[in-house]
Amino acid sequence: MSKIDDIIDQMRRNPKGIRFVDACRVCDHYFGESRQNKSSHKVYKTPWQGDPRVNIQNAKGKAKAYQVKQILKAIERLEYENHSK
């Protein structure tokens, strides 16, 4: 299992305990480099408009749980759309 797969597994089991840098690693892998890097937020571009959005925030070294869930939803949608083609 790759490092990204390990992090995603952790995200599914415990969305509250995910380090911000690990969430960024996963998002960089699936969505490319973030559009915004200068603030506490990182915003990632998705191939669709609207939800699920991928916007994560560094909260004392952790990613916020609701944002981790949004990342997981976005990955599921991305994988579904890639397999539907």
PDB file of N, CA and C in Angstrom:
ATOM      1  N   MET A   1       0.846  -1.181   0.000  1.00  0.00           N
ATOM      2  CA  MET A   1       0.000   0.000   0.000  1.00  0.00           C
ATOM      3  C   MET A   1       0.891   1.244   0.000  1.00  0.00           C
ATOM      4  N   SER A   2       0.533   2.225  -0.803  1.00  0.00           N
ATOM      5  CA  SER A   2       1.355   3.432  -0.881  1.00  0.00           C
ATOM      6  C   SER A   2       1.094   4.352   0.307  1.00  0.00           C
ATOM      7  N   LYS A   3       1.958   5.304   0.478  1.00  0.00           N
ATOM      8  CA  LYS A   3       1.823   6.284   1.561  1.00  0.00           C
ATOM      9  C   LYS A   3       0.491   7.023   1.444  1.00  0.00           C
ATOM     10  N   ILE A   4       0.089   7.411   0.228  1.00  0.00           N
ATOM     11  CA  ILE A   4      -1.172   8.116   0.014  1.00  0.00           C
ATOM     12  C   ILE A   4      -2.341   7.233   0.446  1.00  0.00           C
ATOM     13  N   ASP A   5      -2.308   5.962   0.066  1.00  0.00           N
ATOM     14  CA  ASP A   5      -3.374   5.033   0.458  1.00  0.00           C
ATOM     15  C   ASP A   5      -3.446   4.879   1.975  1.00  0.00           C
ATOM     16  N   ASP A   6      -2.295   4.856   2.632  1.00  0.00           N
ATOM     17  CA  ASP A   6      -2.257   4.770   4.097  1.00  0.00           C
ATOM     18  C   ASP A   6      -2.917   5.992   4.729  1.00  0.00           C
ATOM     19  N   ILE A   7      -2.622   7.166   4.202  1.00  0.00           N
ATOM     20  CA  ILE A   7      -3.203   8.398   4.745  1.00  0.00           C
ATOM     21  C   ILE A   7      -4.712   8.404   4.522  1.00  0.00           C
ATOM     22  N   ILE A   8      -5.160   7.997   3.342  1.00  0.00           N
ATOM     23  CA  ILE A   8      -6.596   7.959   3.058  1.00  0.00           C
ATOM     24  C   ILE A   8      -7.300   6.989   3.994  1.00  0.00           C
ATOM     25  N   ASP A   9      -6.673   5.864   4.270  1.00  0.00           N
ATOM     26  CA  ASP A   9      -7.235   4.907   5.219  1.00  0.00           C
ATOM     27  C   ASP A   9      -7.377   5.544   6.598  1.00  0.00           C
ATOM     28  N   GLN A  10      -6.365   6.273   7.028  1.00  0.00           N
ATOM     29  CA  GLN A  10      -6.427   6.989   8.309  1.00  0.00           C
ATOM     30  C   GLN A  10      -7.534   8.045   8.292  1.00  0.00           C
ATOM     31  N   MET A  11      -7.684   8.728   7.167  1.00  0.00           N
ATOM     32  CA  MET A  11      -8.713   9.764   7.043  1.00  0.00           C
ATOM     33  C   MET A  11     -10.103   9.157   7.222  1.00  0.00           C
ATOM     34  N   ARG A  12     -10.311   7.984   6.669  1.00  0.00           N
ATOM     35  CA  ARG A  12     -11.615   7.316   6.792  1.00  0.00           C
ATOM     36  C   ARG A  12     -11.874   6.856   8.232  1.00  0.00           C
ATOM     37  N   ARG A  13     -10.843   6.360   8.883  1.00  0.00           N
ATOM     38  CA  ARG A  13     -10.998   5.850  10.252  1.00  0.00           C
ATOM     39  C   ARG A  13     -11.137   6.956  11.279  1.00  0.00           C
ATOM     40  N   ASN A  14     -10.366   8.040  11.112  1.00  0.00           N
ATOM     41  CA  ASN A  14     -10.339   9.093  12.132  1.00  0.00           C
ATOM     42  C   ASN A  14     -10.125  10.465  11.489  1.00  0.00           C
ATOM     43  N   PRO A  15     -11.189  11.077  10.968  1.00  0.00           N
ATOM     44  CA  PRO A  15     -11.024  12.370  10.292  1.00  0.00           C
ATOM     45  C   PRO A  15     -10.520  13.492  11.209  1.00  0.00           C
ATOM     46  N   LYS A  16     -10.662  13.316  12.514  1.00  0.00           N
ATOM     47  CA  LYS A  16     -10.211  14.354  13.452  1.00  0.00           C
ATOM     48  C   LYS A  16      -8.703  14.329  13.680  1.00  0.00           C
ATOM     49  N   GLY A  17      -8.063  13.205  13.414  1.00  0.00           N
ATOM     50  CA  GLY A  17      -6.658  13.062  13.773  1.00  0.00           C
ATOM     51  C   GLY A  17      -5.683  13.200  12.616  1.00  0.00           C
ATOM     52  N   ILE A  18      -6.067  13.869  11.547  1.00  0.00           N
ATOM     53  CA  ILE A  18      -5.222  13.945  10.354  1.00  0.00           C
ATOM     54  C   ILE A  18      -4.352  15.197  10.403  1.00  0.00           C
ATOM     55  N   ARG A  19      -3.081  14.995  10.209  1.00  0.00           N
ATOM     56  CA  ARG A  19      -2.162  16.138  10.163  1.00  0.00           C
ATOM     57  C   ARG A  19      -2.408  16.940   8.890  1.00  0.00           C
ATOM     58  N   PHE A  20      -2.252  18.245   8.999  1.00  0.00           N
ATOM     59  CA  PHE A  20      -2.465  19.143   7.867  1.00  0.00           C
ATOM     60  C   PHE A  20      -1.540  18.789   6.709  1.00  0.00           C
ATOM     61  N   VAL A  21      -0.282  18.477   6.991  1.00  0.00           N
ATOM     62  CA  VAL A  21       0.661  18.160   5.916  1.00  0.00           C
ATOM     63  C   VAL A  21       0.268  16.877   5.190  1.00  0.00           C
ATOM     64  N   ASP A  22      -0.320  15.922   5.907  1.00  0.00           N
ATOM     65  CA  ASP A  22      -0.784  14.689   5.265  1.00  0.00           C
ATOM     66  C   ASP A  22      -1.997  14.962   4.375  1.00  0.00           C
ATOM     67  N   ALA A  23      -2.903  15.804   4.844  1.00  0.00           N
ATOM     68  CA  ALA A  23      -4.054  16.189   4.027  1.00  0.00           C
ATOM     69  C   ALA A  23      -3.576  16.903   2.759  1.00  0.00           C
ATOM     70  N   CYS A  24      -2.580  17.751   2.892  1.00  0.00           N
ATOM     71  CA  CYS A  24      -2.018  18.448   1.726  1.00  0.00           C
ATOM     72  C   CYS A  24      -1.387  17.456   0.759  1.00  0.00           C
ATOM     73  N   ARG A  25      -0.689  16.460   1.272  1.00  0.00           N
ATOM     74  CA  ARG A  25      -0.072  15.432   0.428  1.00  0.00           C
ATOM     75  C   ARG A  25      -1.117  14.712  -0.425  1.00  0.00           C
ATOM     76  N   VAL A  26      -2.219  14.346   0.208  1.00  0.00           N
ATOM     77  CA  VAL A  26      -3.297  13.654  -0.502  1.00  0.00           C
ATOM     78  C   VAL A  26      -3.907  14.572  -1.559  1.00  0.00           C
ATOM     79  N   CYS A  27      -4.187  15.807  -1.189  1.00  0.00           N
ATOM     80  CA  CYS A  27      -4.794  16.752  -2.134  1.00  0.00           C
ATOM     81  C   CYS A  27      -3.855  17.054  -3.299  1.00  0.00           C
ATOM     82  N   ASP A  28      -2.580  17.224  -3.018  1.00  0.00           N
ATOM     83  CA  ASP A  28      -1.605  17.465  -4.087  1.00  0.00           C
ATOM     84  C   ASP A  28      -1.587  16.281  -5.063  1.00  0.00           C
ATOM     85  N   HIS A  29      -1.693  15.075  -4.527  1.00  0.00           N
ATOM     86  CA  HIS A  29      -1.678  13.868  -5.356  1.00  0.00           C
ATOM     87  C   HIS A  29      -2.899  13.810  -6.279  1.00  0.00           C
ATOM     88  N   TYR A  30      -4.077  14.088  -5.742  1.00  0.00           N
ATOM     89  CA  TYR A  30      -5.309  13.947  -6.514  1.00  0.00           C
ATOM     90  C   TYR A  30      -5.681  15.191  -7.321  1.00  0.00           C
ATOM     91  N   PHE A  31      -5.378  16.377  -6.808  1.00  0.00           N
ATOM     92  CA  PHE A  31      -5.890  17.609  -7.418  1.00  0.00           C
ATOM     93  C   PHE A  31      -4.800  18.549  -7.914  1.00  0.00           C
ATOM     94  N   GLY A  32      -3.548  18.178  -7.743  1.00  0.00           N
ATOM     95  CA  GLY A  32      -2.461  19.055  -8.161  1.00  0.00           C
ATOM     96  C   GLY A  32      -2.166  20.094  -7.090  1.00  0.00           C
ATOM     97  N   GLU A  33      -1.286  20.987  -7.421  1.00  0.00           N
ATOM     98  CA  GLU A  33      -0.872  22.021  -6.477  1.00  0.00           C
ATOM     99  C   GLU A  33      -2.035  22.956  -6.150  1.00  0.00           C
ATOM    100  N   SER A  34      -2.081  23.421  -4.924  1.00  0.00           N
ATOM    101  CA  SER A  34      -3.174  24.302  -4.514  1.00  0.00           C
ATOM    102  C   SER A  34      -3.094  25.650  -5.215  1.00  0.00           C
ATOM    103  N   ARG A  35      -4.262  26.278  -5.374  1.00  0.00           N
ATOM    104  CA  ARG A  35      -4.328  27.592  -6.016  1.00  0.00           C
ATOM    105  C   ARG A  35      -3.927  28.690  -5.058  1.00  0.00           C
ATOM    106  N   GLN A  36      -4.042  28.434  -3.783  1.00  0.00           N
ATOM    107  CA  GLN A  36      -3.744  29.453  -2.781  1.00  0.00           C
ATOM    108  C   GLN A  36      -2.800  28.854  -1.747  1.00  0.00           C
ATOM    109  N   ASN A  37      -1.695  29.532  -1.502  1.00  0.00           N
ATOM    110  CA  ASN A  37      -0.705  29.033  -0.545  1.00  0.00           C
ATOM    111  C   ASN A  37      -0.299  30.054   0.508  1.00  0.00           C
ATOM    112  N   LYS A  38      -0.668  31.281   0.355  1.00  0.00           N
ATOM    113  CA  LYS A  38      -0.130  32.352   1.192  1.00  0.00           C
ATOM    114  C   LYS A  38      -0.812  32.476   2.555  1.00  0.00           C
ATOM    115  N   SER A  39      -1.996  31.928   2.723  1.00  0.00           N
ATOM    116  CA  SER A  39      -2.703  32.064   3.988  1.00  0.00           C
ATOM    117  C   SER A  39      -2.771  30.720   4.709  1.00  0.00           C
ATOM    118  N   SER A  40      -3.601  30.639   5.725  1.00  0.00           N
ATOM    119  CA  SER A  40      -3.750  29.381   6.464  1.00  0.00           C
ATOM    120  C   SER A  40      -4.587  28.373   5.688  1.00  0.00           C
ATOM    121  N   HIS A  41      -5.232  28.814   4.616  1.00  0.00           N
ATOM    122  CA  HIS A  41      -6.053  27.940   3.786  1.00  0.00           C
ATOM    123  C   HIS A  41      -5.294  27.502   2.542  1.00  0.00           C
ATOM    124  N   LYS A  42      -5.627  26.304   2.067  1.00  0.00           N
ATOM    125  CA  LYS A  42      -5.164  25.832   0.762  1.00  0.00           C
ATOM    126  C   LYS A  42      -6.403  25.446  -0.023  1.00  0.00           C
ATOM    127  N   VAL A  43      -6.533  26.010  -1.209  1.00  0.00           N
ATOM    128  CA  VAL A  43      -7.695  25.772  -2.052  1.00  0.00           C
ATOM    129  C   VAL A  43      -7.232  25.001  -3.277  1.00  0.00           C
ATOM    130  N   TYR A  44      -7.889  23.874  -3.535  1.00  0.00           N
ATOM    131  CA  TYR A  44      -7.519  23.011  -4.658  1.00  0.00           C
ATOM    132  C   TYR A  44      -8.592  23.071  -5.736  1.00  0.00           C
ATOM    133  N   LYS A  45      -8.155  23.034  -6.975  1.00  0.00           N
ATOM    134  CA  LYS A  45      -9.066  23.069  -8.115  1.00  0.00           C
ATOM    135  C   LYS A  45      -9.578  21.663  -8.410  1.00  0.00           C
ATOM    136  N   THR A  46     -10.887  21.567  -8.636  1.00  0.00           N
ATOM    137  CA  THR A  46     -11.505  20.303  -9.015  1.00  0.00           C
ATOM    138  C   THR A  46     -12.083  20.444 -10.424  1.00  0.00           C
ATOM    139  N   PRO A  47     -12.289  19.332 -11.123  1.00  0.00           N
ATOM    140  CA  PRO A  47     -12.803  19.404 -12.490  1.00  0.00           C
ATOM    141  C   PRO A  47     -14.305  19.720 -12.557  1.00  0.00           C
ATOM    142  N   TRP A  48     -14.955  19.963 -11.437  1.00  0.00           N
ATOM    143  CA  TRP A  48     -16.370  20.305 -11.407  1.00  0.00           C
ATOM    144  C   TRP A  48     -16.549  21.601 -10.641  1.00  0.00           C
ATOM    145  N   GLN A  49     -17.718  22.185 -10.785  1.00  0.00           N
ATOM    146  CA  GLN A  49     -18.038  23.389 -10.029  1.00  0.00           C
ATOM    147  C   GLN A  49     -18.863  23.004  -8.807  1.00  0.00           C
ATOM    148  N   GLY A  50     -18.714  23.732  -7.746  1.00  0.00           N
ATOM    149  CA  GLY A  50     -19.518  23.489  -6.549  1.00  0.00           C
ATOM    150  C   GLY A  50     -18.951  22.398  -5.669  1.00  0.00           C
ATOM    151  N   ASP A  51     -19.835  21.834  -4.856  1.00  0.00           N
ATOM    152  CA  ASP A  51     -19.431  20.846  -3.868  1.00  0.00           C
ATOM    153  C   ASP A  51     -19.182  19.487  -4.498  1.00  0.00           C
ATOM    154  N   PRO A  52     -18.347  18.646  -3.965  1.00  0.00           N
ATOM    155  CA  PRO A  52     -17.527  18.948  -2.789  1.00  0.00           C
ATOM    156  C   PRO A  52     -16.323  19.806  -3.155  1.00  0.00           C
ATOM    157  N   ARG A  53     -16.186  20.874  -2.428  1.00  0.00           N
ATOM    158  CA  ARG A  53     -15.041  21.759  -2.605  1.00  0.00           C
ATOM    159  C   ARG A  53     -13.856  21.168  -1.845  1.00  0.00           C
ATOM    160  N   VAL A  54     -12.680  21.547  -2.258  1.00  0.00           N
ATOM    161  CA  VAL A  54     -11.480  21.087  -1.554  1.00  0.00           C
ATOM    162  C   VAL A  54     -10.736  22.325  -1.082  1.00  0.00           C
ATOM    163  N   ASN A  55     -10.982  22.659   0.174  1.00  0.00           N
ATOM    164  CA  ASN A  55     -10.410  23.828   0.811  1.00  0.00           C
ATOM    165  C   ASN A  55     -10.019  23.383   2.211  1.00  0.00           C
ATOM    166  N   ILE A  56      -8.736  23.343   2.492  1.00  0.00           N
ATOM    167  CA  ILE A  56      -8.319  22.859   3.804  1.00  0.00           C
ATOM    168  C   ILE A  56      -7.608  23.965   4.568  1.00  0.00           C
ATOM    169  N   GLN A  57      -7.659  23.839   5.873  1.00  0.00           N
ATOM    170  CA  GLN A  57      -7.150  24.873   6.755  1.00  0.00           C
ATOM    171  C   GLN A  57      -6.269  24.235   7.828  1.00  0.00           C
ATOM    172  N   ASN A  58      -5.148  24.891   8.096  1.00  0.00           N
ATOM    173  CA  ASN A  58      -4.228  24.430   9.129  1.00  0.00           C
ATOM    174  C   ASN A  58      -4.737  24.913  10.484  1.00  0.00           C
ATOM    175  N   ALA A  59      -5.177  23.981  11.301  1.00  0.00           N
ATOM    176  CA  ALA A  59      -5.668  24.294  12.639  1.00  0.00           C
ATOM    177  C   ALA A  59      -4.715  23.674  13.654  1.00  0.00           C
ATOM    178  N   LYS A  60      -3.666  24.403  13.978  1.00  0.00           N
ATOM    179  CA  LYS A  60      -2.653  23.940  14.935  1.00  0.00           C
ATOM    180  C   LYS A  60      -2.026  22.617  14.507  1.00  0.00           C
ATOM    181  N   GLY A  61      -1.719  22.525  13.210  1.00  0.00           N
ATOM    182  CA  GLY A  61      -1.045  21.343  12.689  1.00  0.00           C
ATOM    183  C   GLY A  61      -1.964  20.231  12.222  1.00  0.00           C
ATOM    184  N   LYS A  62      -3.254  20.365  12.460  1.00  0.00           N
ATOM    185  CA  LYS A  62      -4.234  19.352  12.056  1.00  0.00           C
ATOM    186  C   LYS A  62      -5.149  19.931  10.982  1.00  0.00           C
ATOM    187  N   ALA A  63      -5.723  19.044  10.186  1.00  0.00           N
ATOM    188  CA  ALA A  63      -6.770  19.433   9.246  1.00  0.00           C
ATOM    189  C   ALA A  63      -8.099  19.308   9.986  1.00  0.00           C
ATOM    190  N   LYS A  64      -9.030  20.182   9.666  1.00  0.00           N
ATOM    191  CA  LYS A  64     -10.334  20.117  10.311  1.00  0.00           C
ATOM    192  C   LYS A  64     -11.104  18.901   9.802  1.00  0.00           C
ATOM    193  N   ALA A  65     -11.821  18.241  10.707  1.00  0.00           N
ATOM    194  CA  ALA A  65     -12.503  16.982  10.393  1.00  0.00           C
ATOM    195  C   ALA A  65     -13.499  17.136   9.242  1.00  0.00           C
ATOM    196  N   TYR A  66     -14.280  18.213   9.229  1.00  0.00           N
ATOM    197  CA  TYR A  66     -15.259  18.365   8.159  1.00  0.00           C
ATOM    198  C   TYR A  66     -14.567  18.570   6.817  1.00  0.00           C
ATOM    199  N   GLN A  67     -13.387  19.168   6.822  1.00  0.00           N
ATOM    200  CA  GLN A  67     -12.642  19.353   5.586  1.00  0.00           C
ATOM    201  C   GLN A  67     -12.038  18.029   5.110  1.00  0.00           C
ATOM    202  N   VAL A  68     -11.628  17.185   6.030  1.00  0.00           N
ATOM    203  CA  VAL A  68     -11.126  15.853   5.677  1.00  0.00           C
ATOM    204  C   VAL A  68     -12.244  15.059   5.012  1.00  0.00           C
ATOM    205  N   LYS A  69     -13.462  15.167   5.539  1.00  0.00           N
ATOM    206  CA  LYS A  69     -14.606  14.475   4.938  1.00  0.00           C
ATOM    207  C   LYS A  69     -14.883  15.015   3.539  1.00  0.00           C
ATOM    208  N   GLN A  70     -14.716  16.321   3.333  1.00  0.00           N
ATOM    209  CA  GLN A  70     -14.897  16.904   2.006  1.00  0.00           C
ATOM    210  C   GLN A  70     -13.852  16.365   1.032  1.00  0.00           C
ATOM    211  N   ILE A  71     -12.628  16.204   1.497  1.00  0.00           N
ATOM    212  CA  ILE A  71     -11.565  15.646   0.661  1.00  0.00           C
ATOM    213  C   ILE A  71     -11.940  14.233   0.225  1.00  0.00           C
ATOM    214  N   LEU A  72     -12.411  13.430   1.163  1.00  0.00           N
ATOM    215  CA  LEU A  72     -12.793  12.052   0.847  1.00  0.00           C
ATOM    216  C   LEU A  72     -13.933  12.007  -0.172  1.00  0.00           C
ATOM    217  N   LYS A  73     -14.921  12.884  -0.002  1.00  0.00           N
ATOM    218  CA  LYS A  73     -16.030  12.944  -0.966  1.00  0.00           C
ATOM    219  C   LYS A  73     -15.532  13.345  -2.345  1.00  0.00           C
ATOM    220  N   ALA A  74     -14.617  14.313  -2.381  1.00  0.00           N
ATOM    221  CA  ALA A  74     -14.079  14.776  -3.663  1.00  0.00           C
ATOM    222  C   ALA A  74     -13.282  13.670  -4.351  1.00  0.00           C
ATOM    223  N   ILE A  75     -12.522  12.908  -3.589  1.00  0.00           N
ATOM    224  CA  ILE A  75     -11.755  11.795  -4.160  1.00  0.00           C
ATOM    225  C   ILE A  75     -12.707  10.743  -4.712  1.00  0.00           C
ATOM    226  N   GLU A  76     -13.772  10.428  -3.960  1.00  0.00           N
ATOM    227  CA  GLU A  76     -14.760   9.450  -4.433  1.00  0.00           C
ATOM    228  C   GLU A  76     -15.393   9.914  -5.738  1.00  0.00           C
ATOM    229  N   ARG A  77     -15.754  11.188  -5.802  1.00  0.00           N
ATOM    230  CA  ARG A  77     -16.368  11.703  -7.023  1.00  0.00           C
ATOM    231  C   ARG A  77     -15.383  11.664  -8.191  1.00  0.00           C
ATOM    232  N   LEU A  78     -14.144  12.049  -7.932  1.00  0.00           N
ATOM    233  CA  LEU A  78     -13.118  12.047  -8.969  1.00  0.00           C
ATOM    234  C   LEU A  78     -12.907  10.628  -9.511  1.00  0.00           C
ATOM    235  N   GLU A  79     -12.806   9.657  -8.618  1.00  0.00           N
ATOM    236  CA  GLU A  79     -12.618   8.274  -9.039  1.00  0.00           C
ATOM    237  C   GLU A  79     -13.824   7.753  -9.796  1.00  0.00           C
ATOM    238  N   TYR A  80     -15.028   8.122  -9.346  1.00  0.00           N
ATOM    239  CA  TYR A  80     -16.245   7.695 -10.038  1.00  0.00           C
ATOM    240  C   TYR A  80     -16.286   8.263 -11.444  1.00  0.00           C
ATOM    241  N   GLU A  81     -15.992   9.558 -11.583  1.00  0.00           N
ATOM    242  CA  GLU A  81     -16.037  10.194 -12.894  1.00  0.00           C
ATOM    243  C   GLU A  81     -14.952   9.649 -13.818  1.00  0.00           C
ATOM    244  N   ASN A  82     -13.786   9.307 -13.269  1.00  0.00           N
ATOM    245  CA  ASN A  82     -12.722   8.746 -14.094  1.00  0.00           C
ATOM    246  C   ASN A  82     -13.055   7.335 -14.558  1.00  0.00           C
ATOM    247  N   HIS A  83     -13.770   6.569 -13.736  1.00  0.00           N
ATOM    248  CA  HIS A  83     -14.133   5.198 -14.121  1.00  0.00           C
ATOM    249  C   HIS A  83     -15.354   5.176 -15.040  1.00  0.00           C
ATOM    250  N   SER A  84     -16.149   6.237 -15.011  1.00  0.00           N
ATOM    251  CA  SER A  84     -17.354   6.301 -15.862  1.00  0.00           C
ATOM    252  C   SER A  84     -17.025   6.639 -17.306  1.00  0.00           C
ATOM    253  N   LYS A  85     -15.856   7.153 -17.539  1.00  0.00           N
ATOM    254  CA  LYS A  85     -15.491   7.579 -18.899  1.00  0.00           C
ATOM    255  C   LYS A  85     -15.083   6.421 -19.751  1.00  0.00           C
TER     256      LYS A  85
END
